[in-house]
Amino acid sequence: MRKALGMIETRGLIASIEAADAMVKAADVTLVRQEKVDAALVTILVEGDVSAVQAAIEVGRETANRFGAVVSYLVIPHPDVETMELIKKSKPVSNNDDIDMEKKEI
């Protein structure tokens, strides 16, 4: 059975963590990833059955709205296989990739 993909984009890390926690507690969904889009924008992606993803996104949206942080949200029922591969293969870009933490003095 093919799954659905749900996304919530928030302003701020705390709102996204709070929304993700509420989503996995409210419905039978799996966290796919957290993507830091910009300095303040964070996207949480979940997957599961269509009804579970819809319920999770609704709860996550309500939770993040307590912070006034919801930018957008979307549920894609039965996404194409290539779409899922694209999302699961992409990695967030880190600005600190070339910093050697062992050499950093505190």
PDB file of N, CA and C in Angstrom:
ATOM      1  N   MET A   1       0.844  -1.191   0.000  1.00  0.00           N
ATOM      2  CA  MET A   1       0.000   0.000   0.000  1.00  0.00           C
ATOM      3  C   MET A   1       0.880   1.241   0.000  1.00  0.00           C
ATOM      4  N   ARG A   2       0.590   2.179  -0.876  1.00  0.00           N
ATOM      5  CA  ARG A   2       1.372   3.402  -0.955  1.00  0.00           C
ATOM      6  C   ARG A   2       0.959   4.357   0.144  1.00  0.00           C
ATOM      7  N   LYS A   3       1.908   5.147   0.560  1.00  0.00           N
ATOM      8  CA  LYS A   3       1.686   6.046   1.680  1.00  0.00           C
ATOM      9  C   LYS A   3       1.470   7.468   1.209  1.00  0.00           C
ATOM     10  N   ALA A   4       1.119   8.304   2.160  1.00  0.00           N
ATOM     11  CA  ALA A   4       0.980   9.736   1.908  1.00  0.00           C
ATOM     12  C   ALA A   4       2.182  10.451   2.505  1.00  0.00           C
ATOM     13  N   LEU A   5       2.436  11.637   2.017  1.00  0.00           N
ATOM     14  CA  LEU A   5       3.519  12.473   2.502  1.00  0.00           C
ATOM     15  C   LEU A   5       2.918  13.778   2.996  1.00  0.00           C
ATOM     16  N   GLY A   6       3.296  14.191   4.205  1.00  0.00           N
ATOM     17  CA  GLY A   6       2.798  15.437   4.762  1.00  0.00           C
ATOM     18  C   GLY A   6       3.941  16.349   5.148  1.00  0.00           C
ATOM     19  N   MET A   7       3.756  17.651   4.962  1.00  0.00           N
ATOM     20  CA  MET A   7       4.790  18.638   5.256  1.00  0.00           C
ATOM     21  C   MET A   7       4.192  19.833   5.986  1.00  0.00           C
ATOM     22  N   ILE A   8       4.930  20.306   6.964  1.00  0.00           N
ATOM     23  CA  ILE A   8       4.587  21.565   7.628  1.00  0.00           C
ATOM     24  C   ILE A   8       5.850  22.415   7.654  1.00  0.00           C
ATOM     25  N   GLU A   9       5.722  23.650   7.199  1.00  0.00           N
ATOM     26  CA  GLU A   9       6.839  24.589   7.247  1.00  0.00           C
ATOM     27  C   GLU A   9       6.541  25.624   8.320  1.00  0.00           C
ATOM     28  N   THR A  10       7.502  25.814   9.220  1.00  0.00           N
ATOM     29  CA  THR A  10       7.316  26.741  10.333  1.00  0.00           C
ATOM     30  C   THR A  10       8.441  27.770  10.374  1.00  0.00           C
ATOM     31  N   ARG A  11       8.189  28.833  11.106  1.00  0.00           N
ATOM     32  CA  ARG A  11       9.244  29.792  11.435  1.00  0.00           C
ATOM     33  C   ARG A  11       9.773  29.397  12.803  1.00  0.00           C
ATOM     34  N   GLY A  12      11.019  28.990  12.857  1.00  0.00           N
ATOM     35  CA  GLY A  12      11.643  28.671  14.131  1.00  0.00           C
ATOM     36  C   GLY A  12      11.742  27.176  14.407  1.00  0.00           C
ATOM     37  N   LEU A  13      12.837  26.795  15.012  1.00  0.00           N
ATOM     38  CA  LEU A  13      13.117  25.403  15.327  1.00  0.00           C
ATOM     39  C   LEU A  13      12.203  24.866  16.417  1.00  0.00           C
ATOM     40  N   ILE A  14      11.952  25.648  17.442  1.00  0.00           N
ATOM     41  CA  ILE A  14      11.134  25.187  18.567  1.00  0.00           C
ATOM     42  C   ILE A  14       9.726  24.829  18.111  1.00  0.00           C
ATOM     43  N   ALA A  15       9.128  25.659  17.280  1.00  0.00           N
ATOM     44  CA  ALA A  15       7.779  25.381  16.779  1.00  0.00           C
ATOM     45  C   ALA A  15       7.765  24.103  15.956  1.00  0.00           C
ATOM     46  N   SER A  16       8.818  23.865  15.176  1.00  0.00           N
ATOM     47  CA  SER A  16       8.856  22.652  14.357  1.00  0.00           C
ATOM     48  C   SER A  16       9.015  21.404  15.216  1.00  0.00           C
ATOM     49  N   ILE A  17       9.810  21.483  16.255  1.00  0.00           N
ATOM     50  CA  ILE A  17       9.980  20.337  17.153  1.00  0.00           C
ATOM     51  C   ILE A  17       8.683  20.048  17.889  1.00  0.00           C
ATOM     52  N   GLU A  18       8.035  21.080  18.356  1.00  0.00           N
ATOM     53  CA  GLU A  18       6.754  20.926  19.052  1.00  0.00           C
ATOM     54  C   GLU A  18       5.704  20.314  18.117  1.00  0.00           C
ATOM     55  N   ALA A  19       5.669  20.788  16.865  1.00  0.00           N
ATOM     56  CA  ALA A  19       4.717  20.254  15.888  1.00  0.00           C
ATOM     57  C   ALA A  19       5.026  18.795  15.565  1.00  0.00           C
ATOM     58  N   ALA A  20       6.296  18.465  15.375  1.00  0.00           N
ATOM     59  CA  ALA A  20       6.688  17.087  15.062  1.00  0.00           C
ATOM     60  C   ALA A  20       6.310  16.144  16.197  1.00  0.00           C
ATOM     61  N   ASP A  21       6.553  16.561  17.415  1.00  0.00           N
ATOM     62  CA  ASP A  21       6.205  15.741  18.577  1.00  0.00           C
ATOM     63  C   ASP A  21       4.701  15.492  18.634  1.00  0.00           C
ATOM     64  N   ALA A  22       3.925  16.541  18.411  1.00  0.00           N
ATOM     65  CA  ALA A  22       2.467  16.405  18.441  1.00  0.00           C
ATOM     66  C   ALA A  22       1.971  15.501  17.318  1.00  0.00           C
ATOM     67  N   MET A  23       2.597  15.593  16.143  1.00  0.00           N
ATOM     68  CA  MET A  23       2.164  14.783  15.001  1.00  0.00           C
ATOM     69  C   MET A  23       2.379  13.297  15.240  1.00  0.00           C
ATOM     70  N   VAL A  24       3.553  12.924  15.739  1.00  0.00           N
ATOM     71  CA  VAL A  24       3.818  11.488  15.924  1.00  0.00           C
ATOM     72  C   VAL A  24       3.032  10.915  17.099  1.00  0.00           C
ATOM     73  N   LYS A  25       2.650  11.759  18.047  1.00  0.00           N
ATOM     74  CA  LYS A  25       1.822  11.307  19.165  1.00  0.00           C
ATOM     75  C   LYS A  25       0.347  11.182  18.770  1.00  0.00           C
ATOM     76  N   ALA A  26      -0.088  11.999  17.813  1.00  0.00           N
ATOM     77  CA  ALA A  26      -1.506  12.051  17.452  1.00  0.00           C
ATOM     78  C   ALA A  26      -1.914  10.988  16.441  1.00  0.00           C
ATOM     79  N   ALA A  27      -0.989  10.547  15.614  1.00  0.00           N
ATOM     80  CA  ALA A  27      -1.357   9.621  14.541  1.00  0.00           C
ATOM     81  C   ALA A  27      -0.202   8.661  14.264  1.00  0.00           C
ATOM     82  N   ASP A  28      -0.522   7.586  13.565  1.00  0.00           N
ATOM     83  CA  ASP A  28       0.469   6.572  13.224  1.00  0.00           C
ATOM     84  C   ASP A  28       1.246   7.013  11.988  1.00  0.00           C
ATOM     85  N   VAL A  29       2.167   7.963  12.200  1.00  0.00           N
ATOM     86  CA  VAL A  29       3.009   8.463  11.123  1.00  0.00           C
ATOM     87  C   VAL A  29       4.475   8.322  11.517  1.00  0.00           C
ATOM     88  N   THR A  30       5.334   8.382  10.510  1.00  0.00           N
ATOM     89  CA  THR A  30       6.774   8.296  10.719  1.00  0.00           C
ATOM     90  C   THR A  30       7.409   9.606  10.282  1.00  0.00           C
ATOM     91  N   LEU A  31       8.319  10.115  11.092  1.00  0.00           N
ATOM     92  CA  LEU A  31       9.063  11.311  10.694  1.00  0.00           C
ATOM     93  C   LEU A  31      10.058  10.922   9.615  1.00  0.00           C
ATOM     94  N   VAL A  32      10.012  11.591   8.492  1.00  0.00           N
ATOM     95  CA  VAL A  32      10.923  11.325   7.385  1.00  0.00           C
ATOM     96  C   VAL A  32      12.180  12.146   7.554  1.00  0.00           C
ATOM     97  N   ARG A  33      12.003  13.425   7.817  1.00  0.00           N
ATOM     98  CA  ARG A  33      13.153  14.316   7.996  1.00  0.00           C
ATOM     99  C   ARG A  33      12.717  15.688   8.489  1.00  0.00           C
ATOM    100  N   GLN A  34      13.702  16.420   8.944  1.00  0.00           N
ATOM    101  CA  GLN A  34      13.527  17.827   9.283  1.00  0.00           C
ATOM    102  C   GLN A  34      14.507  18.576   8.396  1.00  0.00           C
ATOM    103  N   GLU A  35      14.023  19.530   7.666  1.00  0.00           N
ATOM    104  CA  GLU A  35      14.839  20.276   6.723  1.00  0.00           C
ATOM    105  C   GLU A  35      14.890  21.734   7.147  1.00  0.00           C
ATOM    106  N   LYS A  36      16.088  22.239   7.418  1.00  0.00           N
ATOM    107  CA  LYS A  36      16.252  23.656   7.720  1.00  0.00           C
ATOM    108  C   LYS A  36      16.407  24.371   6.392  1.00  0.00           C
ATOM    109  N   VAL A  37      15.378  25.092   6.001  1.00  0.00           N
ATOM    110  CA  VAL A  37      15.316  25.705   4.691  1.00  0.00           C
ATOM    111  C   VAL A  37      16.095  27.007   4.653  1.00  0.00           C
ATOM    112  N   ASP A  38      15.945  27.808   5.678  1.00  0.00           N
ATOM    113  CA  ASP A  38      16.549  29.129   5.724  1.00  0.00           C
ATOM    114  C   ASP A  38      16.929  29.387   7.172  1.00  0.00           C
ATOM    115  N   ALA A  39      17.348  30.586   7.462  1.00  0.00           N
ATOM    116  CA  ALA A  39      17.741  30.921   8.827  1.00  0.00           C
ATOM    117  C   ALA A  39      16.608  30.691   9.823  1.00  0.00           C
ATOM    118  N   ALA A  40      15.374  30.888   9.390  1.00  0.00           N
ATOM    119  CA  ALA A  40      14.254  30.749  10.313  1.00  0.00           C
ATOM    120  C   ALA A  40      13.212  29.730   9.868  1.00  0.00           C
ATOM    121  N   LEU A  41      13.303  29.222   8.649  1.00  0.00           N
ATOM    122  CA  LEU A  41      12.285  28.304   8.140  1.00  0.00           C
ATOM    123  C   LEU A  41      12.722  26.850   8.304  1.00  0.00           C
ATOM    124  N   VAL A  42      11.815  26.047   8.861  1.00  0.00           N
ATOM    125  CA  VAL A  42      12.081  24.631   9.077  1.00  0.00           C
ATOM    126  C   VAL A  42      10.885  23.845   8.557  1.00  0.00           C
ATOM    127  N   THR A  43      11.157  22.787   7.788  1.00  0.00           N
ATOM    128  CA  THR A  43      10.098  21.936   7.262  1.00  0.00           C
ATOM    129  C   THR A  43      10.202  20.556   7.891  1.00  0.00           C
ATOM    130  N   ILE A  44       9.083  20.047   8.373  1.00  0.00           N
ATOM    131  CA  ILE A  44       8.985  18.702   8.925  1.00  0.00           C
ATOM    132  C   ILE A  44       8.206  17.860   7.923  1.00  0.00           C
ATOM    133  N   LEU A  45       8.721  16.679   7.589  1.00  0.00           N
ATOM    134  CA  LEU A  45       8.061  15.769   6.669  1.00  0.00           C
ATOM    135  C   LEU A  45       7.704  14.482   7.394  1.00  0.00           C
ATOM    136  N   VAL A  46       6.477  14.029   7.219  1.00  0.00           N
ATOM    137  CA  VAL A  46       6.008  12.775   7.808  1.00  0.00           C
ATOM    138  C   VAL A  46       5.377  11.925   6.723  1.00  0.00           C
ATOM    139  N   GLU A  47       5.350  10.599   6.958  1.00  0.00           N
ATOM    140  CA  GLU A  47       4.666   9.710   6.028  1.00  0.00           C
ATOM    141  C   GLU A  47       3.854   8.688   6.787  1.00  0.00           C
ATOM    142  N   GLY A  48       2.853   8.152   6.122  1.00  0.00           N
ATOM    143  CA  GLY A  48       1.975   7.154   6.698  1.00  0.00           C
ATOM    144  C   GLY A  48       0.748   7.004   5.822  1.00  0.00           C
ATOM    145  N   ASP A  49      -0.262   6.324   6.336  1.00  0.00           N
ATOM    146  CA  ASP A  49      -1.521   6.212   5.603  1.00  0.00           C
ATOM    147  C   ASP A  49      -2.119   7.606   5.417  1.00  0.00           C
ATOM    148  N   VAL A  50      -2.897   7.764   4.369  1.00  0.00           N
ATOM    149  CA  VAL A  50      -3.436   9.080   4.022  1.00  0.00           C
ATOM    150  C   VAL A  50      -4.196   9.712   5.184  1.00  0.00           C
ATOM    151  N   SER A  51      -5.091   8.967   5.802  1.00  0.00           N
ATOM    152  CA  SER A  51      -5.884   9.538   6.902  1.00  0.00           C
ATOM    153  C   SER A  51      -5.009   9.879   8.105  1.00  0.00           C
ATOM    154  N   ALA A  52      -4.004   9.065   8.372  1.00  0.00           N
ATOM    155  CA  ALA A  52      -3.109   9.337   9.501  1.00  0.00           C
ATOM    156  C   ALA A  52      -2.276  10.591   9.240  1.00  0.00           C
ATOM    157  N   VAL A  53      -1.796  10.740   8.017  1.00  0.00           N
ATOM    158  CA  VAL A  53      -1.002  11.934   7.675  1.00  0.00           C
ATOM    159  C   VAL A  53      -1.871  13.180   7.738  1.00  0.00           C
ATOM    160  N   GLN A  54      -3.098  13.097   7.232  1.00  0.00           N
ATOM    161  CA  GLN A  54      -3.997  14.253   7.305  1.00  0.00           C
ATOM    162  C   GLN A  54      -4.266  14.650   8.753  1.00  0.00           C
ATOM    163  N   ALA A  55      -4.498  13.660   9.625  1.00  0.00           N
ATOM    164  CA  ALA A  55      -4.732  13.953  11.045  1.00  0.00           C
ATOM    165  C   ALA A  55      -3.485  14.538  11.693  1.00  0.00           C
ATOM    166  N   ALA A  56      -2.324  13.979  11.374  1.00  0.00           N
ATOM    167  CA  ALA A  56      -1.074  14.467  11.955  1.00  0.00           C
ATOM    168  C   ALA A  56      -0.781  15.895  11.524  1.00  0.00           C
ATOM    169  N   ILE A  57      -0.988  16.205  10.260  1.00  0.00           N
ATOM    170  CA  ILE A  57      -0.742  17.561   9.766  1.00  0.00           C
ATOM    171  C   ILE A  57      -1.680  18.555  10.439  1.00  0.00           C
ATOM    172  N   GLU A  58      -2.925  18.169  10.629  1.00  0.00           N
ATOM    173  CA  GLU A  58      -3.878  19.053  11.303  1.00  0.00           C
ATOM    174  C   GLU A  58      -3.431  19.345  12.738  1.00  0.00           C
ATOM    175  N   VAL A  59      -3.030  18.310  13.456  1.00  0.00           N
ATOM    176  CA  VAL A  59      -2.569  18.497  14.841  1.00  0.00           C
ATOM    177  C   VAL A  59      -1.275  19.311  14.869  1.00  0.00           C
ATOM    178  N   GLY A  60      -0.362  19.004  13.966  1.00  0.00           N
ATOM    179  CA  GLY A  60       0.896  19.759  13.901  1.00  0.00           C
ATOM    180  C   GLY A  60       0.680  21.213  13.560  1.00  0.00           C
ATOM    181  N   ARG A  61      -0.259  21.469  12.669  1.00  0.00           N
ATOM    182  CA  ARG A  61      -0.584  22.850  12.289  1.00  0.00           C
ATOM    183  C   ARG A  61      -1.162  23.622  13.474  1.00  0.00           C
ATOM    184  N   GLU A  62      -2.078  22.990  14.193  1.00  0.00           N
ATOM    185  CA  GLU A  62      -2.667  23.640  15.371  1.00  0.00           C
ATOM    186  C   GLU A  62      -1.601  23.906  16.435  1.00  0.00           C
ATOM    187  N   THR A  63      -0.710  22.956  16.621  1.00  0.00           N
ATOM    188  CA  THR A  63       0.351  23.111  17.628  1.00  0.00           C
ATOM    189  C   THR A  63       1.290  24.252  17.257  1.00  0.00           C
ATOM    190  N   ALA A  64       1.758  24.263  16.014  1.00  0.00           N
ATOM    191  CA  ALA A  64       2.678  25.327  15.583  1.00  0.00           C
ATOM    192  C   ALA A  64       1.989  26.682  15.543  1.00  0.00           C
ATOM    193  N   ASN A  65       0.683  26.705  15.319  1.00  0.00           N
ATOM    194  CA  ASN A  65      -0.061  27.966  15.312  1.00  0.00           C
ATOM    195  C   ASN A  65      -0.092  28.620  16.684  1.00  0.00           C
ATOM    196  N   ARG A  66       0.091  27.844  17.747  1.00  0.00           N
ATOM    197  CA  ARG A  66       0.174  28.450  19.088  1.00  0.00           C
ATOM    198  C   ARG A  66       1.358  29.393  19.180  1.00  0.00           C
ATOM    199  N   PHE A  67       2.383  29.151  18.360  1.00  0.00           N
ATOM    200  CA  PHE A  67       3.549  30.022  18.310  1.00  0.00           C
ATOM    201  C   PHE A  67       3.415  31.061  17.196  1.00  0.00           C
ATOM    202  N   GLY A  68       2.334  30.990  16.430  1.00  0.00           N
ATOM    203  CA  GLY A  68       2.160  31.864  15.273  1.00  0.00           C
ATOM    204  C   GLY A  68       3.211  31.583  14.221  1.00  0.00           C
ATOM    205  N   ALA A  69       3.603  30.306  14.091  1.00  0.00           N
ATOM    206  CA  ALA A  69       4.768  29.972  13.292  1.00  0.00           C
ATOM    207  C   ALA A  69       4.482  29.211  11.997  1.00  0.00           C
ATOM    208  N   VAL A  70       3.246  28.875  11.698  1.00  0.00           N
ATOM    209  CA  VAL A  70       2.960  28.097  10.486  1.00  0.00           C
ATOM    210  C   VAL A  70       3.111  28.986   9.260  1.00  0.00           C
ATOM    211  N   VAL A  71       3.946  28.555   8.342  1.00  0.00           N
ATOM    212  CA  VAL A  71       4.121  29.254   7.076  1.00  0.00           C
ATOM    213  C   VAL A  71       3.250  28.585   6.021  1.00  0.00           C
ATOM    214  N   SER A  72       3.338  27.251   5.927  1.00  0.00           N
ATOM    215  CA  SER A  72       2.516  26.503   4.982  1.00  0.00           C
ATOM    216  C   SER A  72       2.478  25.032   5.374  1.00  0.00           C
ATOM    217  N   TYR A  73       1.565  24.306   4.753  1.00  0.00           N
ATOM    218  CA  TYR A  73       1.460  22.864   5.006  1.00  0.00           C
ATOM    219  C   TYR A  73       0.853  22.213   3.782  1.00  0.00           C
ATOM    220  N   LEU A  74       1.111  20.901   3.622  1.00  0.00           N
ATOM    221  CA  LEU A  74       0.643  20.190   2.445  1.00  0.00           C
ATOM    222  C   LEU A  74       0.587  18.699   2.743  1.00  0.00           C
ATOM    223  N   VAL A  75      -0.423  18.026   2.211  1.00  0.00           N
ATOM    224  CA  VAL A  75      -0.513  16.569   2.233  1.00  0.00           C
ATOM    225  C   VAL A  75      -0.571  16.093   0.793  1.00  0.00           C
ATOM    226  N   ILE A  76       0.333  15.185   0.424  1.00  0.00           N
ATOM    227  CA  ILE A  76       0.325  14.589  -0.907  1.00  0.00           C
ATOM    228  C   ILE A  76      -0.086  13.130  -0.749  1.00  0.00           C
ATOM    229  N   PRO A  77      -1.329  12.794  -1.102  1.00  0.00           N
ATOM    230  CA  PRO A  77      -1.746  11.402  -1.021  1.00  0.00           C
ATOM    231  C   PRO A  77      -1.089  10.592  -2.143  1.00  0.00           C
ATOM    232  N   HIS A  78      -0.524   9.489  -1.799  1.00  0.00           N
ATOM    233  CA  HIS A  78       0.097   8.568  -2.758  1.00  0.00           C
ATOM    234  C   HIS A  78       1.059   9.268  -3.717  1.00  0.00           C
ATOM    235  N   PRO A  79       2.135   9.875  -3.182  1.00  0.00           N
ATOM    236  CA  PRO A  79       3.078  10.562  -4.067  1.00  0.00           C
ATOM    237  C   PRO A  79       3.768   9.571  -5.002  1.00  0.00           C
ATOM    238  N   ASP A  80       4.219  10.069  -6.133  1.00  0.00           N
ATOM    239  CA  ASP A  80       4.941   9.250  -7.096  1.00  0.00           C
ATOM    240  C   ASP A  80       6.222   8.717  -6.453  1.00  0.00           C
ATOM    241  N   VAL A  81       6.653   7.559  -6.885  1.00  0.00           N
ATOM    242  CA  VAL A  81       7.854   6.918  -6.336  1.00  0.00           C
ATOM    243  C   VAL A  81       9.065   7.832  -6.486  1.00  0.00           C
ATOM    244  N   GLU A  82       9.188   8.506  -7.611  1.00  0.00           N
ATOM    245  CA  GLU A  82      10.325   9.403  -7.831  1.00  0.00           C
ATOM    246  C   GLU A  82      10.298  10.596  -6.875  1.00  0.00           C
ATOM    247  N   THR A  83       9.109  11.062  -6.542  1.00  0.00           N
ATOM    248  CA  THR A  83       8.998  12.162  -5.584  1.00  0.00           C
ATOM    249  C   THR A  83       9.503  11.718  -4.219  1.00  0.00           C
ATOM    250  N   MET A  84       9.109  10.533  -3.794  1.00  0.00           N
ATOM    251  CA  MET A  84       9.564  10.012  -2.498  1.00  0.00           C
ATOM    252  C   MET A  84      11.075   9.799  -2.494  1.00  0.00           C
ATOM    253  N   GLU A  85      11.627   9.286  -3.586  1.00  0.00           N
ATOM    254  CA  GLU A  85      13.075   9.087  -3.677  1.00  0.00           C
ATOM    255  C   GLU A  85      13.810  10.413  -3.605  1.00  0.00           C
ATOM    256  N   LEU A  86      13.279  11.418  -4.269  1.00  0.00           N
ATOM    257  CA  LEU A  86      13.888  12.746  -4.248  1.00  0.00           C
ATOM    258  C   LEU A  86      13.944  13.293  -2.825  1.00  0.00           C
ATOM    259  N   ILE A  87      12.861  13.153  -2.104  1.00  0.00           N
ATOM    260  CA  ILE A  87      12.790  13.680  -0.744  1.00  0.00           C
ATOM    261  C   ILE A  87      13.694  12.899   0.197  1.00  0.00           C
ATOM    262  N   LYS A  88      13.708  11.596   0.072  1.00  0.00           N
ATOM    263  CA  LYS A  88      14.505  10.776   0.986  1.00  0.00           C
ATOM    264  C   LYS A  88      15.999  10.837   0.687  1.00  0.00           C
ATOM    265  N   LYS A  89      16.388  11.107  -0.561  1.00  0.00           N
ATOM    266  CA  LYS A  89      17.802  11.168  -0.910  1.00  0.00           C
ATOM    267  C   LYS A  89      18.429  12.510  -0.618  1.00  0.00           C
ATOM    268  N   SER A  90      17.664  13.577  -0.713  1.00  0.00           N
ATOM    269  CA  SER A  90      18.242  14.908  -0.522  1.00  0.00           C
ATOM    270  C   SER A  90      18.667  15.099   0.919  1.00  0.00           C
ATOM    271  N   LYS A  91      19.775  15.778   1.085  1.00  0.00           N
ATOM    272  CA  LYS A  91      20.298  16.046   2.417  1.00  0.00           C
ATOM    273  C   LYS A  91      20.318  17.546   2.634  1.00  0.00           C
ATOM    274  N   PRO A  92      20.048  17.978   3.872  1.00  0.00           N
ATOM    275  CA  PRO A  92      20.105  19.415   4.140  1.00  0.00           C
ATOM    276  C   PRO A  92      21.529  19.935   3.989  1.00  0.00           C
ATOM    277  N   VAL A  93      21.643  21.135   3.472  1.00  0.00           N
ATOM    278  CA  VAL A  93      22.942  21.758   3.300  1.00  0.00           C
ATOM    279  C   VAL A  93      23.316  22.450   4.592  1.00  0.00           C
ATOM    280  N   SER A  94      24.504  22.148   5.080  1.00  0.00           N
ATOM    281  CA  SER A  94      24.976  22.765   6.316  1.00  0.00           C
ATOM    282  C   SER A  94      26.057  23.780   5.991  1.00  0.00           C
ATOM    283  N   ASN A  95      25.980  24.932   6.609  1.00  0.00           N
ATOM    284  CA  ASN A  95      27.002  25.958   6.417  1.00  0.00           C
ATOM    285  C   ASN A  95      28.271  25.653   7.190  1.00  0.00           C
ATOM    286  N   ASN A  96      28.226  24.655   8.074  1.00  0.00           N
ATOM    287  CA  ASN A  96      29.371  24.337   8.917  1.00  0.00           C
ATOM    288  C   ASN A  96      30.097  23.074   8.473  1.00  0.00           C
ATOM    289  N   ASP A  97      29.893  22.632   7.237  1.00  0.00           N
ATOM    290  CA  ASP A  97      30.499  21.394   6.770  1.00  0.00           C
ATOM    291  C   ASP A  97      32.023  21.444   6.774  1.00  0.00           C
ATOM    292  N   ASP A  98      32.599  22.609   6.543  1.00  0.00           N
ATOM    293  CA  ASP A  98      34.047  22.680   6.433  1.00  0.00           C
ATOM    294  C   ASP A  98      34.722  23.144   7.724  1.00  0.00           C
ATOM    295  N   ILE A  99      34.001  23.161   8.835  1.00  0.00           N
ATOM    296  CA  ILE A  99      34.581  23.534  10.119  1.00  0.00           C
ATOM    297  C   ILE A  99      35.027  22.277  10.837  1.00  0.00           C
ATOM    298  N   ASP A 100      36.276  22.232  11.252  1.00  0.00           N
ATOM    299  CA  ASP A 100      36.795  21.092  12.012  1.00  0.00           C
ATOM    300  C   ASP A 100      36.565  21.373  13.483  1.00  0.00           C
ATOM    301  N   MET A 101      35.612  20.668  14.082  1.00  0.00           N
ATOM    302  CA  MET A 101      35.227  20.934  15.453  1.00  0.00           C
ATOM    303  C   MET A 101      36.321  20.582  16.462  1.00  0.00           C
ATOM    304  N   GLU A 102      37.195  19.647  16.133  1.00  0.00           N
ATOM    305  CA  GLU A 102      38.261  19.271  17.063  1.00  0.00           C
ATOM    306  C   GLU A 102      39.290  20.388  17.207  1.00  0.00           C
ATOM    307  N   LYS A 103      39.457  21.191  16.193  1.00  0.00           N
ATOM    308  CA  LYS A 103      40.456  22.262  16.233  1.00  0.00           C
ATOM    309  C   LYS A 103      39.896  23.537  16.852  1.00  0.00           C
ATOM    310  N   LYS A 104      38.608  23.593  17.042  1.00  0.00           N
ATOM    311  CA  LYS A 104      37.999  24.796  17.573  1.00  0.00           C
ATOM    312  C   LYS A 104      38.280  24.912  19.068  1.00  0.00           C
ATOM    313  N   GLU A 105      38.820  26.033  19.477  1.00  0.00           N
ATOM    314  CA  GLU A 105      39.099  26.267  20.891  1.00  0.00           C
ATOM    315  C   GLU A 105      37.940  26.982  21.531  1.00  0.00           C
ATOM    316  N   ILE A 106      37.650  26.587  22.750  1.00  0.00           N
ATOM    317  CA  ILE A 106      36.528  27.192  23.466  1.00  0.00           C
ATOM    318  C   ILE A 106      37.053  28.150  24.507  1.00  0.00           C
TER     319      ILE A 106
END
